[in-house]
C-alpha atoms as a PDB file:
ATOM      1  CA  MET A   1       0.156   0.054  -0.264  1.00  0.00           C
ATOM      2  CA  ARG A   2       1.105   3.696  -0.901  1.00  0.00           C
ATOM      3  CA  ASN A   3       1.735   5.880   2.204  1.00  0.00           C
ATOM      4  CA  PHE A   4      -0.399   8.604   0.407  1.00  0.00           C
ATOM      5  CA  THR A   5       0.469  11.269   3.107  1.00  0.00           C
ATOM      6  CA  PHE A   6       3.907  11.138   2.887  1.00  0.00           C
ATOM      7  CA  GLU A   7       4.152  11.366  -0.798  1.00  0.00           C
ATOM      8  CA  PHE A   8       1.798  14.209  -0.535  1.00  0.00           C
ATOM      9  CA  LEU A   9       3.830  16.255   2.075  1.00  0.00           C
ATOM     10  CA  SER A  10       7.416  15.182   0.427  1.00  0.00           C
ATOM     11  CA  ALA A  11       5.918  17.008  -3.172  1.00  0.00           C
ATOM     12  CA  ALA A  12       4.574  19.914  -0.866  1.00  0.00           C
ATOM     13  CA  ALA A  13       8.225  20.294   0.785  1.00  0.00           C
ATOM     14  CA  GLU A  14      10.266  19.867  -2.919  1.00  0.00           C
ATOM     15  CA  GLY A  15       7.606  22.294  -4.856  1.00  0.00           C
ATOM     16  CA  ASP A  16       6.441  18.750  -6.772  1.00  0.00           C
ATOM     17  CA  GLU A  17       2.870  18.094  -7.988  1.00  0.00           C
ATOM     18  CA  PHE A  18       0.900  14.992  -6.681  1.00  0.00           C
ATOM     19  CA  SER A  19      -1.625  13.223  -7.937  1.00  0.00           C
ATOM     20  CA  PRO A  20      -4.528  12.817  -7.195  1.00  0.00           C
ATOM     21  CA  SER A  21      -4.570  16.979  -7.670  1.00  0.00           C
ATOM     22  CA  PHE A  22      -6.769  19.527  -5.639  1.00  0.00           C
ATOM     23  CA  ALA A  23      -8.278  20.040  -9.168  1.00  0.00           C
ATOM     24  CA  GLU A  24      -9.257  16.059  -9.461  1.00  0.00           C
ATOM     25  CA  GLY A  25     -10.290  15.627  -6.193  1.00  0.00           C
ATOM     26  CA  TYR A  26     -12.309  18.698  -6.691  1.00  0.00           C
ATOM     27  CA  ALA A  27     -13.811  17.211 -10.334  1.00  0.00           C
ATOM     28  CA  VAL A  28     -14.670  13.864  -8.265  1.00  0.00           C
ATOM     29  CA  GLN A  29     -16.616  15.625  -5.179  1.00  0.00           C
ATOM     30  CA  GLU A  30     -18.465  17.980  -7.589  1.00  0.00           C
ATOM     31  CA  VAL A  31     -19.824  14.074  -9.494  1.00  0.00           C
ATOM     32  CA  LEU A  32     -20.478  13.064  -5.809  1.00  0.00           C
ATOM     33  CA  ASP A  33     -22.814  15.483  -5.462  1.00  0.00           C
ATOM     34  CA  ALA A  34     -24.326  15.535  -8.295  1.00  0.00           C
ATOM     35  CA  ILE A  35     -24.992  11.694  -7.530  1.00  0.00           C
ATOM     36  CA  GLU A  36     -26.912  12.923  -4.331  1.00  0.00           C
ATOM     37  CA  ARG A  37     -28.867  15.300  -6.122  1.00  0.00           C
ATOM     38  CA  SER A  38     -30.091  12.837  -8.468  1.00  0.00           C
ATOM     39  CA  VAL A  39     -31.007  10.267  -5.760  1.00  0.00           C
ATOM     40  CA  GLU A  40     -32.763  13.175  -3.610  1.00  0.00           C
ATOM     41  CA  ARG A  41     -34.801  14.222  -6.779  1.00  0.00           C
ATOM     42  CA  GLY A  42     -35.462  10.989  -8.417  1.00  0.00           C
ATOM     43  CA  GLU A  43     -34.261  12.635 -11.793  1.00  0.00           C
ATOM     44  CA  TRP A  44     -31.052  13.130 -13.871  1.00  0.00           C
ATOM     45  CA  VAL A  45     -29.113  16.412 -13.414  1.00  0.00           C
ATOM     46  CA  SER A  46     -26.044  18.038 -14.457  1.00  0.00           C
ATOM     47  CA  VAL A  47     -22.696  18.022 -12.863  1.00  0.00           C
ATOM     48  CA  GLU A  48     -22.107  21.962 -11.813  1.00  0.00           C
END
């Protein structure tokens, strides 16, 4: 198993990029939010 905390902190300390990035995490969260709205409404919704 990878140690994501170590990898993230090392990348931050060295000024390197880390994957998944904040932008990737944000995009995933937008999809999860849309899924939740869809379930609540019982219909298809757009990803905002």
